[in-house]
Amino acid sequence: MSTSLVSMVVGRRRSGAARRLVVVFFALLLPAFAGTLWAAEGAGHPDPSVHIVLWLAVILLSAQVGGDVAARLGQPAVLGELLVGVVLGNLSLAGVAWLEPLKTDPFIDLFARLGVLLLLFEVGLESTVSQMLSVGLSSVLVAVLGVVAPFALGWAVGAWLLPDAGPYVHAFLGATLCATSVGITARVLKDLGRSRSGEARVILGAAVVDDVLGLVILAVVTGLIAGAGTGAAFSYWDVLAPLLKATAFLAGALAVGVLLSRRLFFLASKLRARGVLLALSLSFCFLLSWLANAIGLAAIVGAFAAGLVLEDTHYREFVGRGEQGLEELIHPISSFLAPVFFVLMGMHTDLRSLLRPEVLGLGGALIVAAILGKQACSLGVVGRGVDRLTVGLGMIPRGEVGLIFANIGLGLRLDGQPIIQSATFSAVILMVVVTTMITPPALKWSFSRVPEAGRRQSGAS
């Protein structure tokens, strides 16, 4: 390669790095610049949608920059979106206060809630009912232990460090530790070339059951808190009722969905209008979300059930005539709405509270409980050839699922007071960030520690 060609390549690389720095620089200046526009807009014609589109521009551009930086550092994009939200939410400390109303704006909150529903719908689409029914003994045991142990440890941490908060807060802290963001682990396994290993089969199989159990636990805890808000005396029925409702809803939705959805989508395929598959799928998701909420469950339970029901065979007629698959159709919409949720969650994190020793202590204790709780689930591996430590590490990240659980806590109230205070929420966010960040390097180390662990074939599943 000639000297001139080398100089040209180096120059291009430098210019590319410079362009990225310029993009990041202007993205960081965007909130202040937008604040100036906001003030100017207030003096003009008061179009009620103007402030929404301006805020969406700030959120989406900032989320993209944060996601790109996180990806370059080997972290999930969702972590960058969350941390960007933390920065935007604390700009008031630097004198930029115009974003403060965004935290409580009902329209932005609506976008975020729709993003959560579509996110859980996508999570459900990644699994099927047949996969849920066919997971092996190891996967079931890992999932059960991976829910029970973190819940117990989370409750214990709450009772120890927040003794005056009451059992409902302790229970909710336990519920937030039950979550597992298996999407992060699946991406790491793929990057390491271990997605077909015995450990991967156990982890991914457990993830299906873990999602269902986690949603059931969440339904029970929120049901208890809602019942307590009515002033009724506590009874064992308060625990059993939401458990039965959640189980019956999931079982009924899956059974009816499997029986009817295939025929419904087949009939819909006879329609020649474009966009039928997307419209029908979203309607199915929103309908089950509404039904879940109508019987006292979280709407995300219905969204997850809708995704779990729909399989490739339901819309093969659409794909056969040249249309995109459902996951490809949903992904652009989710890519628009989900970052709004993650950024908004980050904005609710008060950095000043993290400087308080008690919040750091709670966050540190939750991190330890989150890690140890998922290591306990590795005891559920029954078979030879699967490295238990690797399985436990793969179940650690809370990611977006933990954020969704924490977000529900922000909306729960008892005697007019929020169940989760801002300091407690900040501690939960700290736990989510740390467990998400440590998983990729921990899995890489674990596989290098036992090089053959990922290649062994076993009957663990």
Protein backbone atom coordinates (compact mmCIF):
# COMPACT_ATOMS: atom_id res chain seq x y z
CA MET A 1 0.00 0.00 0.00
CA SER A 2 1.46 3.34 -1.01
CA THR A 3 2.15 6.17 1.42
CA SER A 4 -0.57 8.32 -0.14
CA LEU A 5 -3.11 5.51 0.19
CA VAL A 6 -2.20 4.97 3.83
CA SER A 7 -2.53 8.69 4.48
CA MET A 8 -5.93 8.69 2.80
CA VAL A 9 -7.18 5.75 4.91
CA VAL A 10 -5.88 7.29 8.13
CA GLY A 11 -7.41 10.60 7.17
CA ARG A 12 -10.77 8.98 6.57
CA ARG A 13 -10.64 7.24 9.93
CA ARG A 14 -9.78 10.48 11.67
CA SER A 15 -12.52 12.33 9.86
CA GLY A 16 -14.98 9.58 10.78
CA ALA A 17 -14.00 9.86 14.44
CA ALA A 18 -14.28 13.63 14.21
CA ARG A 19 -17.77 13.37 12.74
CA ARG A 20 -18.82 11.09 15.59
CA LEU A 21 -17.46 13.54 18.13
CA VAL A 22 -19.37 16.36 16.47
CA VAL A 23 -22.58 14.33 16.56
CA VAL A 24 -22.11 13.54 20.25
CA PHE A 25 -21.25 17.18 20.99
CA PHE A 26 -24.36 18.55 19.33
CA ALA A 27 -26.50 15.81 20.90
CA LEU A 28 -25.30 16.93 24.31
CA LEU A 29 -26.08 20.55 23.43
CA LEU A 30 -29.50 19.62 22.06
CA PRO A 31 -31.41 19.98 25.35
CA ALA A 32 -30.11 23.52 25.93
CA PHE A 33 -30.75 24.49 22.29
CA ALA A 34 -34.23 23.00 22.42
CA GLY A 35 -34.90 24.95 25.59
CA THR A 36 -34.29 28.15 23.63
CA LEU A 37 -36.71 26.95 20.96
CA TRP A 38 -39.19 26.05 23.66
CA ALA A 39 -39.12 29.59 25.04
CA ALA A 40 -39.51 31.03 21.54
CA GLU A 41 -42.38 28.68 20.76
CA GLY A 42 -44.22 29.74 23.91
CA ALA A 43 -44.35 33.29 22.57
CA GLY A 44 -45.85 32.19 19.24
CA HIS A 45 -48.96 30.28 18.31
CA PRO A 46 -49.80 27.74 21.05
CA ASP A 47 -50.17 24.53 19.04
CA PRO A 48 -50.72 21.82 21.74
CA SER A 49 -48.69 19.26 19.79
CA VAL A 50 -45.56 21.39 19.36
CA HIS A 51 -43.99 20.72 22.73
CA ILE A 52 -44.64 16.98 22.30
CA VAL A 53 -42.82 16.72 18.99
CA LEU A 54 -39.93 18.81 20.34
CA TRP A 55 -39.58 16.58 23.38
CA LEU A 56 -39.79 13.46 21.21
CA ALA A 57 -36.99 14.83 19.04
CA VAL A 58 -34.83 15.36 22.13
CA ILE A 59 -35.62 11.90 23.52
CA LEU A 60 -35.10 9.95 20.29
CA LEU A 61 -31.87 11.68 19.23
CA SER A 62 -30.41 11.44 22.72
CA ALA A 63 -31.42 7.77 22.96
CA GLN A 64 -29.66 6.99 19.68
CA VAL A 65 -26.45 8.66 20.83
CA GLY A 66 -26.61 6.86 24.17
CA GLY A 67 -27.31 3.52 22.53
CA ASP A 68 -24.42 3.97 20.09
CA VAL A 69 -21.96 4.84 22.86
CA ALA A 70 -23.10 1.83 24.89
CA ALA A 71 -22.75 -0.50 21.89
CA ARG A 72 -19.20 0.76 21.22
CA LEU A 73 -18.36 -0.05 24.84
CA GLY A 74 -19.69 -3.58 24.45
CA GLN A 75 -22.88 -2.90 26.42
CA PRO A 76 -26.57 -3.29 25.42
CA ALA A 77 -28.08 -0.23 23.74
CA VAL A 78 -30.84 -0.14 26.35
CA LEU A 79 -28.24 0.69 28.98
CA GLY A 80 -27.12 3.74 27.01
CA GLU A 81 -30.72 4.88 26.58
CA LEU A 82 -31.29 4.58 30.31
CA LEU A 83 -28.14 6.50 31.22
CA VAL A 84 -28.98 9.26 28.73
CA GLY A 85 -32.30 9.58 30.52
CA VAL A 86 -30.44 9.91 33.83
CA VAL A 87 -28.40 12.77 32.34
CA LEU A 88 -31.44 14.56 30.89
CA GLY A 89 -33.38 14.14 34.11
CA ASN A 90 -30.65 15.76 36.15
CA LEU A 91 -29.81 18.70 33.89
CA SER A 92 -31.64 20.90 36.37
CA LEU A 93 -28.60 20.51 38.60
CA ALA A 94 -26.68 22.42 35.92
CA GLY A 95 -29.34 25.09 35.56
CA VAL A 96 -31.22 23.56 32.57
CA ALA A 97 -34.69 23.17 34.02
CA TRP A 98 -36.94 23.24 30.94
CA LEU A 99 -37.06 19.42 30.72
CA GLU A 100 -38.50 18.98 34.21
CA PRO A 101 -42.17 19.03 33.07
CA LEU A 102 -41.37 16.17 30.67
CA LYS A 103 -41.15 13.76 33.61
CA THR A 104 -44.85 14.15 34.36
CA ASP A 105 -46.22 15.00 30.92
CA PRO A 106 -49.25 12.71 30.28
CA PHE A 107 -48.66 12.53 26.52
CA ILE A 108 -45.03 11.44 26.81
CA ASP A 109 -46.10 8.99 29.51
CA LEU A 110 -48.65 7.55 27.08
CA PHE A 111 -45.94 7.01 24.45
CA ALA A 112 -43.81 5.28 27.09
CA ARG A 113 -46.67 3.01 28.17
CA LEU A 114 -47.34 1.97 24.59
CA GLY A 115 -43.61 1.29 24.25
CA VAL A 116 -43.76 -1.08 27.23
CA LEU A 117 -46.69 -2.99 25.75
CA LEU A 118 -44.94 -3.42 22.40
CA LEU A 119 -41.71 -4.40 24.14
CA LEU A 120 -43.44 -7.20 26.06
CA PHE A 121 -45.27 -8.17 22.87
CA GLU A 122 -41.89 -8.55 21.16
CA VAL A 123 -40.55 -10.58 24.08
CA GLY A 124 -43.52 -12.91 23.72
CA LEU A 125 -42.99 -13.22 19.97
CA GLU A 126 -39.49 -14.55 20.60
CA SER A 127 -41.00 -17.63 22.29
CA THR A 128 -43.89 -19.93 21.51
CA VAL A 129 -46.38 -21.95 23.51
CA SER A 130 -44.79 -25.17 22.27
CA GLN A 131 -41.39 -23.99 23.50
CA MET A 132 -42.86 -23.17 26.89
CA LEU A 133 -44.38 -26.64 27.14
CA SER A 134 -41.28 -28.45 25.90
CA VAL A 135 -38.59 -26.99 28.15
CA GLY A 136 -36.64 -29.63 30.02
CA LEU A 137 -36.41 -30.37 33.71
CA SER A 138 -33.23 -28.32 34.13
CA SER A 139 -34.83 -25.25 32.55
CA VAL A 140 -37.91 -25.51 34.76
CA LEU A 141 -35.89 -25.92 37.95
CA VAL A 142 -33.54 -23.08 36.99
CA ALA A 143 -36.51 -20.80 36.30
CA VAL A 144 -38.30 -21.64 39.55
CA LEU A 145 -35.19 -21.19 41.69
CA GLY A 146 -34.34 -18.05 39.73
CA VAL A 147 -37.63 -16.50 40.85
CA VAL A 148 -37.98 -17.84 44.40
CA ALA A 149 -34.42 -17.10 45.60
CA PRO A 150 -34.19 -13.48 44.35
CA PHE A 151 -37.70 -12.74 45.67
CA ALA A 152 -36.77 -14.00 49.13
CA LEU A 153 -33.45 -12.13 49.13
CA GLY A 154 -35.08 -8.92 47.88
CA TRP A 155 -37.69 -9.13 50.62
CA ALA A 156 -34.93 -9.72 53.19
CA VAL A 157 -32.96 -6.68 51.96
CA GLY A 158 -36.06 -4.51 52.20
CA ALA A 159 -36.91 -5.76 55.69
CA TRP A 160 -33.32 -5.15 56.80
CA LEU A 161 -32.65 -1.71 55.32
CA LEU A 162 -36.22 -0.35 55.05
CA PRO A 163 -37.90 -1.76 58.16
CA ASP A 164 -40.43 1.08 58.36
CA ALA A 165 -41.47 0.89 54.70
CA GLY A 166 -43.81 -2.04 55.29
CA PRO A 167 -44.18 -5.52 53.77
CA TYR A 168 -45.64 -4.24 50.49
CA VAL A 169 -42.44 -2.36 49.65
CA HIS A 170 -40.39 -5.38 50.68
CA ALA A 171 -42.49 -7.62 48.44
CA PHE A 172 -42.15 -5.26 45.51
CA LEU A 173 -38.38 -5.12 45.89
CA GLY A 174 -38.38 -8.91 45.78
CA ALA A 175 -40.53 -8.85 42.64
CA THR A 176 -38.12 -6.50 40.83
CA LEU A 177 -35.26 -8.95 41.50
CA CYS A 178 -37.20 -11.83 39.90
CA ALA A 179 -36.87 -10.37 36.41
CA THR A 180 -34.34 -11.64 33.87
CA SER A 181 -33.48 -9.90 30.60
CA VAL A 182 -32.57 -12.95 28.61
CA GLY A 183 -32.27 -10.90 25.43
CA ILE A 184 -28.99 -9.49 26.73
CA THR A 185 -27.68 -12.95 27.57
CA ALA A 186 -28.81 -14.32 24.18
CA ARG A 187 -26.88 -11.55 22.40
CA VAL A 188 -23.73 -12.28 24.43
CA LEU A 189 -24.00 -16.01 23.76
CA LYS A 190 -24.32 -15.31 20.05
CA ASP A 191 -21.31 -12.98 20.05
CA LEU A 192 -19.24 -15.62 21.86
CA GLY A 193 -20.31 -18.34 19.44
CA ARG A 194 -21.96 -20.32 22.25
CA SER A 195 -25.64 -19.95 21.31
CA ARG A 196 -25.89 -23.71 20.61
CA SER A 197 -24.16 -24.80 23.81
CA GLY A 198 -25.78 -26.81 26.57
CA GLU A 199 -25.66 -23.76 28.82
CA ALA A 200 -27.49 -21.69 26.21
CA ARG A 201 -30.25 -24.28 25.87
CA VAL A 202 -30.83 -24.32 29.62
CA ILE A 203 -30.74 -20.51 29.94
CA LEU A 204 -33.05 -19.80 27.01
CA GLY A 205 -35.47 -22.53 28.05
CA ALA A 206 -35.54 -21.20 31.61
CA ALA A 207 -36.13 -17.70 30.30
CA VAL A 208 -39.52 -18.66 28.87
CA VAL A 209 -40.71 -20.05 32.20
CA ASP A 210 -38.99 -17.24 34.10
CA ASP A 211 -40.93 -14.58 32.17
CA VAL A 212 -44.24 -16.26 32.99
CA LEU A 213 -43.41 -16.78 36.68
CA GLY A 214 -42.09 -13.23 37.00
CA LEU A 215 -45.31 -11.79 35.58
CA VAL A 216 -47.37 -13.96 37.92
CA ILE A 217 -45.35 -12.75 40.92
CA LEU A 218 -45.80 -9.17 39.75
CA ALA A 219 -49.55 -9.71 39.39
CA VAL A 220 -49.79 -11.11 42.93
CA VAL A 221 -47.79 -8.26 44.49
CA THR A 222 -49.68 -5.49 42.64
CA GLY A 223 -52.96 -7.21 43.49
CA LEU A 224 -52.05 -7.25 47.18
CA ILE A 225 -51.14 -3.57 47.12
CA ALA A 226 -54.32 -2.65 45.26
CA GLY A 227 -56.37 -4.62 47.80
CA ALA A 228 -54.61 -2.93 50.69
CA GLY A 229 -55.46 0.45 49.19
CA THR A 230 -59.17 -0.27 49.70
CA GLY A 231 -58.69 -0.58 53.45
CA ALA A 232 -59.86 -4.20 53.58
CA ALA A 233 -58.32 -6.52 56.17
CA PHE A 234 -55.60 -8.83 54.92
CA SER A 235 -56.48 -12.47 54.23
CA TYR A 236 -54.86 -15.38 52.46
CA TRP A 237 -57.40 -14.91 49.72
CA ASP A 238 -55.65 -11.61 48.92
CA VAL A 239 -52.64 -13.67 47.87
CA LEU A 240 -54.55 -16.52 46.25
CA ALA A 241 -56.97 -14.39 44.21
CA PRO A 242 -54.41 -12.55 42.03
CA LEU A 243 -52.40 -15.76 41.70
CA LEU A 244 -55.44 -17.63 40.39
CA LYS A 245 -56.43 -14.72 38.15
CA ALA A 246 -52.98 -14.46 36.61
CA THR A 247 -52.70 -18.21 36.08
CA ALA A 248 -56.23 -18.50 34.69
CA PHE A 249 -55.74 -15.52 32.38
CA LEU A 250 -52.46 -16.79 30.96
CA ALA A 251 -53.77 -20.34 30.54
CA GLY A 252 -57.05 -19.14 29.05
CA ALA A 253 -55.42 -16.62 26.73
CA LEU A 254 -52.95 -19.19 25.47
CA ALA A 255 -55.60 -21.90 25.01
CA VAL A 256 -58.15 -19.68 23.27
CA GLY A 257 -55.43 -17.92 21.30
CA VAL A 258 -53.98 -21.16 19.99
CA LEU A 259 -57.45 -22.38 18.97
CA LEU A 260 -58.74 -19.18 17.36
CA SER A 261 -55.84 -16.99 16.31
CA ARG A 262 -54.63 -19.28 13.51
CA ARG A 263 -58.09 -19.37 11.92
CA LEU A 264 -58.53 -15.62 12.45
CA PHE A 265 -55.23 -14.81 10.73
CA PHE A 266 -56.04 -17.22 7.90
CA LEU A 267 -59.33 -15.43 7.25
CA ALA A 268 -57.58 -12.06 7.48
CA SER A 269 -55.07 -13.18 4.84
CA LYS A 270 -57.93 -13.13 2.33
CA LEU A 271 -58.02 -9.34 2.63
CA ARG A 272 -55.88 -7.71 -0.04
CA ALA A 273 -55.27 -4.39 1.67
CA ARG A 274 -51.71 -3.68 2.76
CA GLY A 275 -50.97 -3.61 6.49
CA VAL A 276 -53.58 -6.17 7.51
CA LEU A 277 -51.07 -8.35 9.39
CA LEU A 278 -49.70 -5.42 11.41
CA ALA A 279 -53.13 -3.98 12.21
CA LEU A 280 -54.56 -7.35 13.26
CA SER A 281 -51.54 -8.23 15.40
CA LEU A 282 -51.53 -4.88 17.20
CA SER A 283 -55.27 -5.15 17.77
CA PHE A 284 -54.75 -8.63 19.25
CA CYS A 285 -52.00 -7.29 21.52
CA PHE A 286 -54.02 -4.30 22.69
CA LEU A 287 -57.18 -6.37 23.23
CA LEU A 288 -55.43 -8.86 25.50
CA SER A 289 -53.72 -5.97 27.31
CA TRP A 290 -57.13 -4.41 27.95
CA LEU A 291 -58.58 -7.73 29.14
CA ALA A 292 -55.68 -8.24 31.54
CA ASN A 293 -56.19 -4.78 33.00
CA ALA A 294 -59.96 -5.33 33.19
CA ILE A 295 -59.53 -8.28 35.55
CA GLY A 296 -57.00 -6.48 37.73
CA LEU A 297 -53.71 -7.61 36.17
CA ALA A 298 -50.97 -5.48 34.66
CA ALA A 299 -51.58 -4.75 30.97
CA ILE A 300 -48.11 -6.09 30.13
CA VAL A 301 -49.33 -9.59 31.09
CA GLY A 302 -51.81 -9.46 28.22
CA ALA A 303 -49.24 -8.06 25.79
CA PHE A 304 -46.81 -10.85 26.65
CA ALA A 305 -49.52 -13.49 26.28
CA ALA A 306 -50.46 -12.10 22.85
CA GLY A 307 -46.88 -12.38 21.65
CA LEU A 308 -46.53 -15.87 23.08
CA VAL A 309 -49.62 -17.07 21.20
CA LEU A 310 -48.65 -15.78 17.76
CA GLU A 311 -46.29 -18.04 15.83
CA ASP A 312 -44.80 -18.01 12.35
CA THR A 313 -47.45 -20.44 11.11
CA HIS A 314 -50.20 -17.94 11.92
CA TYR A 315 -49.12 -15.52 9.23
CA ARG A 316 -47.32 -17.70 6.70
CA GLU A 317 -49.98 -16.80 4.10
CA PHE A 318 -48.95 -13.14 4.43
CA VAL A 319 -45.27 -14.00 4.13
CA GLY A 320 -45.99 -16.33 1.24
CA ARG A 321 -47.33 -13.48 -0.84
CA GLY A 322 -44.23 -11.36 -0.25
CA GLU A 323 -45.07 -9.41 2.90
CA GLN A 324 -42.70 -9.03 5.86
CA GLY A 325 -42.96 -11.22 8.92
CA LEU A 326 -44.60 -9.93 12.07
CA GLU A 327 -41.35 -9.34 13.99
CA GLU A 328 -39.99 -7.23 11.12
CA LEU A 329 -43.21 -5.19 11.06
CA ILE A 330 -43.32 -4.61 14.82
CA HIS A 331 -39.64 -3.78 15.28
CA PRO A 332 -39.68 -0.27 13.70
CA ILE A 333 -42.63 0.79 15.87
CA SER A 334 -41.00 -0.64 18.97
CA SER A 335 -37.73 1.09 18.04
CA PHE A 336 -39.63 4.37 18.10
CA LEU A 337 -41.61 3.88 21.32
CA ALA A 338 -39.37 1.72 23.55
CA PRO A 339 -36.56 4.32 23.81
CA VAL A 340 -39.12 6.82 25.06
CA PHE A 341 -39.84 4.47 27.94
CA PHE A 342 -36.19 3.84 28.81
CA VAL A 343 -35.20 7.50 28.63
CA LEU A 344 -38.21 8.49 30.74
CA MET A 345 -37.30 5.85 33.33
CA GLY A 346 -33.78 7.24 33.50
CA MET A 347 -35.15 10.74 33.98
CA HIS A 348 -36.91 9.62 37.17
CA THR A 349 -33.55 8.76 38.72
CA ASP A 350 -32.34 11.47 41.07
CA LEU A 351 -28.54 11.57 41.08
CA ARG A 352 -28.57 13.54 44.31
CA SER A 353 -30.24 10.62 46.06
CA LEU A 354 -27.42 8.31 44.94
CA LEU A 355 -25.03 10.44 46.98
CA ARG A 356 -26.90 9.52 50.14
CA PRO A 357 -25.23 6.63 51.99
CA GLU A 358 -28.51 4.86 52.70
CA VAL A 359 -29.44 4.80 49.00
CA LEU A 360 -26.01 3.54 47.99
CA GLY A 361 -26.27 0.95 50.75
CA LEU A 362 -29.69 -0.20 49.53
CA GLY A 363 -28.50 -0.29 45.92
CA GLY A 364 -25.40 -2.28 46.87
CA ALA A 365 -27.43 -4.75 48.91
CA LEU A 366 -29.91 -5.20 46.03
CA ILE A 367 -27.01 -5.84 43.64
CA VAL A 368 -25.60 -8.54 45.90
CA ALA A 369 -29.05 -10.09 46.36
CA ALA A 370 -29.69 -9.95 42.59
CA ILE A 371 -26.43 -11.76 41.81
CA LEU A 372 -26.67 -14.36 44.58
CA GLY A 373 -30.33 -15.03 43.81
CA LYS A 374 -29.58 -15.95 40.23
CA GLN A 375 -26.57 -18.04 41.26
CA ALA A 376 -28.94 -20.10 43.39
CA CYS A 377 -30.89 -21.00 40.27
CA SER A 378 -27.84 -22.81 38.88
CA LEU A 379 -28.48 -25.53 41.45
CA GLY A 380 -31.44 -26.52 39.29
CA VAL A 381 -29.19 -27.89 36.54
CA VAL A 382 -29.61 -31.67 36.67
CA GLY A 383 -27.47 -33.41 34.11
CA ARG A 384 -23.86 -33.66 33.17
CA GLY A 385 -21.82 -31.48 30.88
CA VAL A 386 -23.45 -28.12 31.67
CA ASP A 387 -21.46 -25.59 33.68
CA ARG A 388 -23.67 -24.38 36.52
CA LEU A 389 -21.75 -21.15 37.13
CA THR A 390 -22.21 -20.13 33.49
CA VAL A 391 -25.95 -20.76 33.73
CA GLY A 392 -26.18 -18.66 36.89
CA LEU A 393 -24.23 -15.80 35.32
CA GLY A 394 -26.42 -15.90 32.22
CA MET A 395 -29.53 -15.30 34.34
CA ILE A 396 -28.15 -12.19 36.12
CA PRO A 397 -29.07 -9.22 33.86
CA ARG A 398 -32.33 -7.43 34.72
CA GLY A 399 -32.19 -5.01 31.78
CA GLU A 400 -35.44 -3.75 30.33
CA VAL A 401 -37.59 -6.27 32.23
CA GLY A 402 -36.37 -4.96 35.58
CA LEU A 403 -37.10 -1.41 34.43
CA ILE A 404 -40.64 -2.37 33.48
CA PHE A 405 -41.24 -3.87 36.93
CA ALA A 406 -39.78 -0.77 38.62
CA ASN A 407 -41.94 1.50 36.46
CA ILE A 408 -45.09 -0.27 37.63
CA GLY A 409 -43.99 0.39 41.20
CA LEU A 410 -43.91 4.12 40.51
CA GLY A 411 -47.63 4.04 39.73
CA LEU A 412 -48.71 2.03 42.79
CA ARG A 413 -50.07 3.96 45.74
CA LEU A 414 -51.11 3.04 49.25
CA ASP A 415 -53.07 5.52 51.38
CA GLY A 416 -52.39 8.14 48.73
CA GLN A 417 -48.63 7.71 48.93
CA PRO A 418 -46.45 6.06 46.27
CA ILE A 419 -45.22 2.59 47.21
CA ILE A 420 -41.78 3.25 45.71
CA GLN A 421 -40.10 6.49 46.76
CA SER A 422 -37.64 8.24 44.46
CA ALA A 423 -34.66 7.12 46.56
CA THR A 424 -35.76 3.48 46.42
CA PHE A 425 -36.39 3.76 42.70
CA SER A 426 -32.87 5.15 42.21
CA ALA A 427 -31.45 2.19 44.12
CA VAL A 428 -33.37 -0.21 41.86
CA ILE A 429 -32.05 1.59 38.77
CA LEU A 430 -28.52 1.22 40.12
CA MET A 431 -29.12 -2.52 40.53
CA VAL A 432 -30.44 -2.81 36.96
CA VAL A 433 -27.45 -0.92 35.52
CA VAL A 434 -24.82 -2.93 37.39
CA THR A 435 -26.36 -6.37 36.74
CA THR A 436 -26.70 -5.50 33.06
CA MET A 437 -23.12 -4.26 32.73
CA ILE A 438 -21.40 -7.15 34.49
CA THR A 439 -23.06 -9.97 32.57
CA PRO A 440 -21.18 -9.75 29.21
CA PRO A 441 -17.66 -9.82 30.71
CA ALA A 442 -18.71 -12.36 33.34
CA LEU A 443 -20.02 -14.78 30.70
CA LYS A 444 -16.92 -14.30 28.57
CA TRP A 445 -14.71 -15.08 31.56
CA SER A 446 -16.81 -18.10 32.54
CA PHE A 447 -16.60 -19.68 29.08
CA SER A 448 -12.84 -19.08 28.93
CA ARG A 449 -12.52 -20.65 32.38
CA VAL A 450 -14.11 -23.87 31.12
CA PRO A 451 -13.38 -23.83 27.37
CA GLU A 452 -15.20 -27.04 26.63
CA ALA A 453 -18.31 -26.24 28.69
CA GLY A 454 -20.12 -24.68 25.77
CA ARG A 455 -19.40 -27.60 23.43
CA ARG A 456 -20.54 -30.45 25.64
CA GLN A 457 -23.78 -32.07 24.71
CA SER A 458 -25.85 -33.31 27.59
CA GLY A 459 -29.27 -34.44 28.49
CA ALA A 460 -29.76 -31.51 30.84
CA SER A 461 -32.72 -30.30 28.86
